[in-house]
C-alpha atoms as a PDB file:
ATOM      1  CA  UNK A   1      -0.479 -12.205  18.952  1.00  0.00           C
ATOM      2  CA  UNK A   2      -3.336 -10.146  17.545  1.00  0.00           C
ATOM      3  CA  UNK A   3      -6.872 -11.393  18.057  1.00  0.00           C
ATOM      4  CA  UNK A   4      -8.648 -12.077  14.776  1.00  0.00           C
ATOM      5  CA  UNK A   5     -11.952 -13.359  13.453  1.00  0.00           C
ATOM      6  CA  UNK A   6     -11.852 -15.996  10.752  1.00  0.00           C
ATOM      7  CA  UNK A   7     -12.199 -14.839   7.172  1.00  0.00           C
ATOM      8  CA  UNK A   8     -12.326 -17.049   4.114  1.00  0.00           C
ATOM      9  CA  UNK A   9      -9.896 -16.233   1.321  1.00  0.00           C
ATOM     10  CA  UNK A  10     -11.746 -16.081  -1.986  1.00  0.00           C
ATOM     11  CA  UNK A  11      -8.969 -14.953  -4.299  1.00  0.00           C
ATOM     12  CA  UNK A  12      -5.447 -13.629  -4.286  1.00  0.00           C
ATOM     13  CA  UNK A  13      -3.664 -11.964  -7.174  1.00  0.00           C
ATOM     14  CA  UNK A  14      -1.275  -9.160  -7.997  1.00  0.00           C
ATOM     15  CA  UNK A  15      -2.064  -5.875  -9.723  1.00  0.00           C
ATOM     16  CA  UNK A  16       0.449  -3.778 -11.646  1.00  0.00           C
ATOM     17  CA  UNK A  17       0.242  -0.640 -13.750  1.00  0.00           C
ATOM     18  CA  UNK A  18      -0.558  -1.501 -17.386  1.00  0.00           C
ATOM     19  CA  UNK A  19       2.521  -3.161 -18.859  1.00  0.00           C
ATOM     20  CA  UNK A  20       4.692  -0.677 -20.721  1.00  0.00           C
ATOM     21  CA  UNK A  21       2.895   2.343 -19.252  1.00  0.00           C
ATOM     22  CA  UNK A  22       5.663   3.325 -16.810  1.00  0.00           C
ATOM     23  CA  UNK A  23       9.396   3.166 -17.599  1.00  0.00           C
ATOM     24  CA  UNK A  24      11.942   1.875 -15.115  1.00  0.00           C
ATOM     25  CA  UNK A  25      12.225   4.694 -12.581  1.00  0.00           C
ATOM     26  CA  UNK A  26      14.484   5.237  -9.578  1.00  0.00           C
ATOM     27  CA  UNK A  27      13.435   7.782  -6.959  1.00  0.00           C
ATOM     28  CA  UNK A  28      15.958   8.970  -4.354  1.00  0.00           C
ATOM     29  CA  UNK A  29      14.842   9.468  -0.786  1.00  0.00           C
ATOM     30  CA  UNK A  30      14.879  12.975   0.649  1.00  0.00           C
ATOM     31  CA  UNK A  31      15.572  14.021   4.223  1.00  0.00           C
ATOM     32  CA  UNK A  32      11.788  14.090   4.695  1.00  0.00           C
ATOM     33  CA  UNK A  33      11.678  10.340   3.974  1.00  0.00           C
ATOM     34  CA  UNK A  34      14.496   8.961   6.115  1.00  0.00           C
ATOM     35  CA  UNK A  35      12.772   9.244   9.529  1.00  0.00           C
ATOM     36  CA  UNK A  36       9.928   7.066   8.227  1.00  0.00           C
ATOM     37  CA  UNK A  37      12.256   4.172   7.395  1.00  0.00           C
ATOM     38  CA  UNK A  38      11.894   3.083  11.018  1.00  0.00           C
ATOM     39  CA  UNK A  39       8.123   3.564  11.125  1.00  0.00           C
ATOM     40  CA  UNK A  40       5.661   0.676  11.255  1.00  0.00           C
ATOM     41  CA  UNK A  41       3.585   0.256   8.098  1.00  0.00           C
ATOM     42  CA  UNK A  42       0.471   2.408   8.112  1.00  0.00           C
ATOM     43  CA  UNK A  43      -2.923   0.671   8.206  1.00  0.00           C
ATOM     44  CA  UNK A  44      -6.208   1.982   6.828  1.00  0.00           C
ATOM     45  CA  UNK A  45      -9.707   0.479   6.662  1.00  0.00           C
ATOM     46  CA  UNK A  46     -12.487   1.885   4.470  1.00  0.00           C
ATOM     47  CA  UNK A  47     -16.020   0.555   4.992  1.00  0.00           C
ATOM     48  CA  UNK A  48     -18.810   0.824   2.406  1.00  0.00           C
ATOM     49  CA  UNK A  49     -22.402  -0.397   2.385  1.00  0.00           C
ATOM     50  CA  UNK A  50     -22.852  -3.132  -0.217  1.00  0.00           C
ATOM     51  CA  UNK A  51     -26.250  -4.920  -0.049  1.00  0.00           C
ATOM     52  CA  UNK A  52     -25.318  -7.640  -2.534  1.00  0.00           C
ATOM     53  CA  UNK A  53     -24.132 -11.263  -2.281  1.00  0.00           C
ATOM     54  CA  UNK A  54     -20.503 -12.281  -2.603  1.00  0.00           C
ATOM     55  CA  UNK A  55     -21.028 -13.664  -6.098  1.00  0.00           C
ATOM     56  CA  UNK A  56     -22.188 -10.259  -7.303  1.00  0.00           C
ATOM     57  CA  UNK A  57     -18.962  -8.717  -6.024  1.00  0.00           C
ATOM     58  CA  UNK A  58     -16.704 -11.291  -7.654  1.00  0.00           C
ATOM     59  CA  UNK A  59     -18.543 -11.259 -10.992  1.00  0.00           C
ATOM     60  CA  UNK A  60     -19.437  -7.595 -11.394  1.00  0.00           C
ATOM     61  CA  UNK A  61     -17.433  -5.363  -9.059  1.00  0.00           C
ATOM     62  CA  UNK A  62     -14.091  -7.080  -8.623  1.00  0.00           C
ATOM     63  CA  UNK A  63     -13.026  -6.888 -12.298  1.00  0.00           C
ATOM     64  CA  UNK A  64     -13.670  -3.132 -12.312  1.00  0.00           C
ATOM     65  CA  UNK A  65     -11.849  -2.720  -8.994  1.00  0.00           C
ATOM     66  CA  UNK A  66      -8.797  -4.520 -10.394  1.00  0.00           C
ATOM     67  CA  UNK A  67      -8.720  -2.695 -13.710  1.00  0.00           C
ATOM     68  CA  UNK A  68      -9.300   0.731 -12.177  1.00  0.00           C
ATOM     69  CA  UNK A  69      -6.571   0.014  -9.615  1.00  0.00           C
ATOM     70  CA  UNK A  70      -4.155  -0.876 -12.404  1.00  0.00           C
ATOM     71  CA  UNK A  71      -4.928   2.379 -14.215  1.00  0.00           C
ATOM     72  CA  UNK A  72      -4.542   4.360 -10.991  1.00  0.00           C
ATOM     73  CA  UNK A  73      -1.143   2.787 -10.320  1.00  0.00           C
ATOM     74  CA  UNK A  74       0.004   4.118 -13.678  1.00  0.00           C
ATOM     75  CA  UNK A  75       0.089   7.558 -12.053  1.00  0.00           C
ATOM     76  CA  UNK A  76       0.897   6.357  -8.523  1.00  0.00           C
ATOM     77  CA  UNK A  77       3.539   3.838  -9.587  1.00  0.00           C
ATOM     78  CA  UNK A  78       5.772   4.351  -6.503  1.00  0.00           C
ATOM     79  CA  UNK A  79       3.143   2.409  -4.545  1.00  0.00           C
ATOM     80  CA  UNK A  80       3.783  -0.597  -6.806  1.00  0.00           C
ATOM     81  CA  UNK A  81       7.536  -0.136  -6.485  1.00  0.00           C
ATOM     82  CA  UNK A  82       9.985  -1.556  -3.973  1.00  0.00           C
ATOM     83  CA  UNK A  83      12.164   0.137  -1.405  1.00  0.00           C
ATOM     84  CA  UNK A  84      15.734  -0.896  -2.205  1.00  0.00           C
ATOM     85  CA  UNK A  85      18.053  -0.983   0.817  1.00  0.00           C
ATOM     86  CA  UNK A  86      21.601  -1.776  -0.321  1.00  0.00           C
ATOM     87  CA  UNK A  87      24.467  -2.190   2.151  1.00  0.00           C
ATOM     88  CA  UNK A  88      26.475   0.848   3.257  1.00  0.00           C
ATOM     89  CA  UNK A  89      27.726   3.146   1.800  1.00  0.00           C
ATOM     90  CA  UNK A  90      24.891   3.056  -0.735  1.00  0.00           C
ATOM     91  CA  UNK A  91      21.692   4.951  -0.001  1.00  0.00           C
ATOM     92  CA  UNK A  92      18.201   3.435   0.032  1.00  0.00           C
ATOM     93  CA  UNK A  93      15.929   4.389  -2.854  1.00  0.00           C
ATOM     94  CA  UNK A  94      12.583   3.531  -4.438  1.00  0.00           C
ATOM     95  CA  UNK A  95      12.731   1.511  -7.661  1.00  0.00           C
ATOM     96  CA  UNK A  96       9.963   0.743 -10.137  1.00  0.00           C
ATOM     97  CA  UNK A  97      10.473  -1.787 -12.920  1.00  0.00           C
ATOM     98  CA  UNK A  98       7.910  -2.729 -15.555  1.00  0.00           C
ATOM     99  CA  UNK A  99       5.720  -5.473 -14.150  1.00  0.00           C
ATOM    100  CA  UNK A 100       6.187  -4.576 -10.482  1.00  0.00           C
ATOM    101  CA  UNK A 101       2.908  -5.184  -8.680  1.00  0.00           C
ATOM    102  CA  UNK A 102       1.076  -5.147  -5.363  1.00  0.00           C
ATOM    103  CA  UNK A 103      -0.655  -8.076  -3.626  1.00  0.00           C
ATOM    104  CA  UNK A 104      -4.457  -7.890  -3.662  1.00  0.00           C
ATOM    105  CA  UNK A 105      -6.471 -10.329  -1.559  1.00  0.00           C
ATOM    106  CA  UNK A 106     -10.237 -10.892  -1.520  1.00  0.00           C
ATOM    107  CA  UNK A 107     -11.808 -12.432   1.591  1.00  0.00           C
ATOM    108  CA  UNK A 108     -15.301 -13.108   2.907  1.00  0.00           C
ATOM    109  CA  UNK A 109     -16.415 -12.359   6.469  1.00  0.00           C
ATOM    110  CA  UNK A 110     -19.561 -13.534   8.233  1.00  0.00           C
ATOM    111  CA  UNK A 111     -19.430 -10.982  11.042  1.00  0.00           C
ATOM    112  CA  UNK A 112     -22.267  -8.509  11.553  1.00  0.00           C
ATOM    113  CA  UNK A 113     -21.256  -5.574   9.341  1.00  0.00           C
ATOM    114  CA  UNK A 114     -23.551  -3.059  11.038  1.00  0.00           C
ATOM    115  CA  UNK A 115     -22.256  -4.001  14.467  1.00  0.00           C
ATOM    116  CA  UNK A 116     -18.674  -3.816  13.270  1.00  0.00           C
ATOM    117  CA  UNK A 117     -18.987  -0.257  11.957  1.00  0.00           C
ATOM    118  CA  UNK A 118     -21.378   0.924  14.666  1.00  0.00           C
ATOM    119  CA  UNK A 119     -20.715   4.169  16.520  1.00  0.00           C
ATOM    120  CA  UNK A 120     -20.022   2.632  19.912  1.00  0.00           C
ATOM    121  CA  UNK A 121     -17.133   1.892  22.235  1.00  0.00           C
ATOM    122  CA  UNK A 122     -15.097  -1.170  21.361  1.00  0.00           C
ATOM    123  CA  UNK A 123     -13.747  -3.632  23.868  1.00  0.00           C
ATOM    124  CA  UNK A 124     -10.961  -4.782  21.573  1.00  0.00           C
ATOM    125  CA  UNK A 125      -9.888  -3.019  18.385  1.00  0.00           C
ATOM    126  CA  UNK A 126      -7.941  -6.116  17.393  1.00  0.00           C
ATOM    127  CA  UNK A 127     -11.198  -7.569  16.070  1.00  0.00           C
ATOM    128  CA  UNK A 128     -10.527  -5.427  13.006  1.00  0.00           C
ATOM    129  CA  UNK A 129      -7.061  -6.863  12.396  1.00  0.00           C
ATOM    130  CA  UNK A 130      -8.181  -9.600  10.006  1.00  0.00           C
ATOM    131  CA  UNK A 131      -9.352  -6.898   7.595  1.00  0.00           C
ATOM    132  CA  UNK A 132      -5.833  -5.485   7.293  1.00  0.00           C
ATOM    133  CA  UNK A 133      -3.875  -7.201   4.501  1.00  0.00           C
ATOM    134  CA  UNK A 134      -0.872  -9.359   5.289  1.00  0.00           C
ATOM    135  CA  UNK A 135       2.436  -7.611   4.727  1.00  0.00           C
ATOM    136  CA  UNK A 136       4.520  -9.334   2.014  1.00  0.00           C
ATOM    137  CA  UNK A 137       8.012 -10.466   3.043  1.00  0.00           C
ATOM    138  CA  UNK A 138      11.231  -8.657   2.310  1.00  0.00           C
ATOM    139  CA  UNK A 139      13.564 -10.255  -0.245  1.00  0.00           C
ATOM    140  CA  UNK A 140      17.357 -10.178  -0.231  1.00  0.00           C
ATOM    141  CA  UNK A 141      19.273 -10.082  -3.525  1.00  0.00           C
ATOM    142  CA  UNK A 142      22.661 -11.638  -4.227  1.00  0.00           C
ATOM    143  CA  UNK A 143      24.414  -8.355  -3.401  1.00  0.00           C
ATOM    144  CA  UNK A 144      22.666  -8.186   0.010  1.00  0.00           C
ATOM    145  CA  UNK A 145      20.222  -5.494  -1.077  1.00  0.00           C
ATOM    146  CA  UNK A 146      16.950  -5.760   0.809  1.00  0.00           C
ATOM    147  CA  UNK A 147      13.882  -5.370  -1.398  1.00  0.00           C
ATOM    148  CA  UNK A 148      10.939  -4.115   0.658  1.00  0.00           C
ATOM    149  CA  UNK A 149       7.368  -4.000  -0.757  1.00  0.00           C
ATOM    150  CA  UNK A 150       5.504  -0.754  -0.183  1.00  0.00           C
ATOM    151  CA  UNK A 151       1.762  -1.529  -0.393  1.00  0.00           C
ATOM    152  CA  UNK A 152      -0.685  -4.383   0.147  1.00  0.00           C
ATOM    153  CA  UNK A 153      -4.470  -4.264  -0.381  1.00  0.00           C
ATOM    154  CA  UNK A 154      -7.375  -6.453   0.684  1.00  0.00           C
ATOM    155  CA  UNK A 155     -11.114  -6.394   0.025  1.00  0.00           C
ATOM    156  CA  UNK A 156     -13.385  -8.083   2.567  1.00  0.00           C
ATOM    157  CA  UNK A 157     -16.983  -8.711   1.570  1.00  0.00           C
ATOM    158  CA  UNK A 158     -19.780  -9.053   4.127  1.00  0.00           C
ATOM    159  CA  UNK A 159     -22.522 -10.790   2.095  1.00  0.00           C
ATOM    160  CA  UNK A 160     -25.593  -8.607   1.550  1.00  0.00           C
ATOM    161  CA  UNK A 161     -24.212  -5.968   3.932  1.00  0.00           C
ATOM    162  CA  UNK A 162     -20.974  -4.234   3.024  1.00  0.00           C
ATOM    163  CA  UNK A 163     -17.338  -4.354   2.020  1.00  0.00           C
ATOM    164  CA  UNK A 164     -14.111  -3.227   3.631  1.00  0.00           C
ATOM    165  CA  UNK A 165     -11.057  -2.135   1.673  1.00  0.00           C
ATOM    166  CA  UNK A 166      -7.975  -2.607   3.819  1.00  0.00           C
ATOM    167  CA  UNK A 167      -4.601  -1.085   3.029  1.00  0.00           C
ATOM    168  CA  UNK A 168      -1.169  -1.442   4.539  1.00  0.00           C
ATOM    169  CA  UNK A 169       1.591   0.799   3.216  1.00  0.00           C
ATOM    170  CA  UNK A 170       5.032   2.103   4.034  1.00  0.00           C
ATOM    171  CA  UNK A 171       5.111   5.733   5.165  1.00  0.00           C
ATOM    172  CA  UNK A 172       8.295   6.254   3.117  1.00  0.00           C
ATOM    173  CA  UNK A 173       6.271   6.103  -0.098  1.00  0.00           C
ATOM    174  CA  UNK A 174       3.177   8.025   1.043  1.00  0.00           C
ATOM    175  CA  UNK A 175       1.961  10.065   3.979  1.00  0.00           C
ATOM    176  CA  UNK A 176      -1.691  10.332   4.930  1.00  0.00           C
ATOM    177  CA  UNK A 177      -2.496  13.054   2.412  1.00  0.00           C
ATOM    178  CA  UNK A 178      -0.701  11.278  -0.429  1.00  0.00           C
ATOM    179  CA  UNK A 179      -2.478   8.001   0.288  1.00  0.00           C
ATOM    180  CA  UNK A 180      -5.836   9.777   0.463  1.00  0.00           C
ATOM    181  CA  UNK A 181      -5.011  11.262  -2.962  1.00  0.00           C
ATOM    182  CA  UNK A 182      -4.375   7.749  -4.276  1.00  0.00           C
ATOM    183  CA  UNK A 183      -7.639   6.364  -2.869  1.00  0.00           C
ATOM    184  CA  UNK A 184      -9.700   9.256  -4.235  1.00  0.00           C
ATOM    185  CA  UNK A 185      -8.114   8.828  -7.661  1.00  0.00           C
ATOM    186  CA  UNK A 186      -8.845   5.098  -7.604  1.00  0.00           C
ATOM    187  CA  UNK A 187     -12.452   5.822  -6.627  1.00  0.00           C
ATOM    188  CA  UNK A 188     -12.794   8.366  -9.452  1.00  0.00           C
ATOM    189  CA  UNK A 189     -11.531   5.931 -12.096  1.00  0.00           C
ATOM    190  CA  UNK A 190     -13.761   3.186 -10.676  1.00  0.00           C
ATOM    191  CA  UNK A 191     -16.863   5.412 -10.822  1.00  0.00           C
ATOM    192  CA  UNK A 192     -16.032   6.496 -14.365  1.00  0.00           C
ATOM    193  CA  UNK A 193     -15.929   2.857 -15.484  1.00  0.00           C
ATOM    194  CA  UNK A 194     -12.160   2.859 -16.017  1.00  0.00           C
ATOM    195  CA  UNK A 195     -11.923   6.184 -17.840  1.00  0.00           C
ATOM    196  CA  UNK A 196      -8.491   7.441 -16.821  1.00  0.00           C
ATOM    197  CA  UNK A 197      -9.269  10.771 -18.475  1.00  0.00           C
ATOM    198  CA  UNK A 198     -11.504  11.553 -15.502  1.00  0.00           C
ATOM    199  CA  UNK A 199      -8.361  12.607 -13.615  1.00  0.00           C
ATOM    200  CA  UNK A 200      -7.578  16.204 -14.462  1.00  0.00           C
ATOM    201  CA  UNK A 201      -3.914  17.045 -14.983  1.00  0.00           C
ATOM    202  CA  UNK A 202      -3.991  19.327 -11.959  1.00  0.00           C
ATOM    203  CA  UNK A 203      -4.980  16.310  -9.833  1.00  0.00           C
ATOM    204  CA  UNK A 204      -2.126  14.043 -10.942  1.00  0.00           C
ATOM    205  CA  UNK A 205       0.700  13.408  -8.471  1.00  0.00           C
ATOM    206  CA  UNK A 206       4.217  14.730  -9.003  1.00  0.00           C
ATOM    207  CA  UNK A 207       7.166  12.479  -8.219  1.00  0.00           C
ATOM    208  CA  UNK A 208       9.838  15.098  -8.910  1.00  0.00           C
ATOM    209  CA  UNK A 209      12.222  15.418  -5.942  1.00  0.00           C
ATOM    210  CA  UNK A 210      14.467  18.090  -7.466  1.00  0.00           C
ATOM    211  CA  UNK A 211      12.576  20.958  -5.840  1.00  0.00           C
ATOM    212  CA  UNK A 212      13.415  19.769  -2.315  1.00  0.00           C
ATOM    213  CA  UNK A 213      16.450  21.655  -1.014  1.00  0.00           C
ATOM    214  CA  UNK A 214      18.623  20.560   1.889  1.00  0.00           C
ATOM    215  CA  UNK A 215      20.735  23.573   2.966  1.00  0.00           C
ATOM    216  CA  UNK A 216      21.474  22.074   6.403  1.00  0.00           C
ATOM    217  CA  UNK A 217      22.705  18.718   5.106  1.00  0.00           C
ATOM    218  CA  UNK A 218      20.049  16.748   6.968  1.00  0.00           C
ATOM    219  CA  UNK A 219      20.052  13.931   4.419  1.00  0.00           C
ATOM    220  CA  UNK A 220      23.696  13.144   5.204  1.00  0.00           C
ATOM    221  CA  UNK A 221      22.962  13.020   8.936  1.00  0.00           C
ATOM    222  CA  UNK A 222      19.879  10.837   8.508  1.00  0.00           C
ATOM    223  CA  UNK A 223      21.729   8.536   6.095  1.00  0.00           C
ATOM    224  CA  UNK A 224      24.431   7.854   8.690  1.00  0.00           C
ATOM    225  CA  UNK A 225      21.771   7.160  11.309  1.00  0.00           C
ATOM    226  CA  UNK A 226      20.092   4.762   8.907  1.00  0.00           C
ATOM    227  CA  UNK A 227      23.321   2.859   8.208  1.00  0.00           C
ATOM    228  CA  UNK A 228      23.990   2.524  11.929  1.00  0.00           C
ATOM    229  CA  UNK A 229      20.513   1.160  12.523  1.00  0.00           C
ATOM    230  CA  UNK A 230      20.419  -1.124   9.495  1.00  0.00           C
ATOM    231  CA  UNK A 231      23.792  -2.677  10.338  1.00  0.00           C
ATOM    232  CA  UNK A 232      22.564  -3.860  13.733  1.00  0.00           C
ATOM    233  CA  UNK A 233      19.013  -4.976  12.919  1.00  0.00           C
ATOM    234  CA  UNK A 234      17.435  -7.389  10.483  1.00  0.00           C
ATOM    235  CA  UNK A 235      15.513  -4.876   8.391  1.00  0.00           C
ATOM    236  CA  UNK A 236      12.381  -6.742   7.411  1.00  0.00           C
ATOM    237  CA  UNK A 237       9.114  -4.829   7.632  1.00  0.00           C
ATOM    238  CA  UNK A 238       7.283  -8.108   7.360  1.00  0.00           C
ATOM    239  CA  UNK A 239       8.815  -9.771  10.414  1.00  0.00           C
ATOM    240  CA  UNK A 240       9.911  -6.788  12.495  1.00  0.00           C
ATOM    241  CA  UNK A 241       6.817  -4.624  12.205  1.00  0.00           C
ATOM    242  CA  UNK A 242       4.000  -7.042  11.452  1.00  0.00           C
ATOM    243  CA  UNK A 243       1.570  -8.177  14.109  1.00  0.00           C
END
């Protein structure tokens, strides 16, 4: 079991793209995506100085964080989607439906922020684990399709010292560069006070998979490997890959 320091949960809610802004969309997986189906969720922590009390965050910063995140998800809607894993012979795919959302948790920590982010050797990196959001559980539909969430976010406030934005996401929906693109876009909309026009068209993500060619038939090979694995394991990123 991972070591953790106590944090106090202040709020928990869900954030979705603005209702009606994204139509129902199904994205097929490519042969680039299949190997990451077996990968543990990726974890990222972003620390920022924030010399203000918790109440200032909840009253003044949190509403802008939520609204700017919602606007950002309008362009990065796969992160608010679910990975659909139907039984064989059907292929897994990413599905977004209007109203799909991500869990967003706000916590308070009383640890020494400066010591936590200090440039020094650490005895135990697990002290950071409580700043990583909890992974939401997988659901199973009536037709035995597993519905796997793809992103969870958490903001930890260190009163009068700093904040930490923690993210946990499935590599199938975003690699490191793609997730960095998402975070930078969120930051841009936040700084612009929720002006989505601050994102130039050249900076918007493309979700078109049609340009990816597969002359060697790798998708078929990876799909068979996936079915073999999924038939013998309980595919639940929450229970299998969580701490």
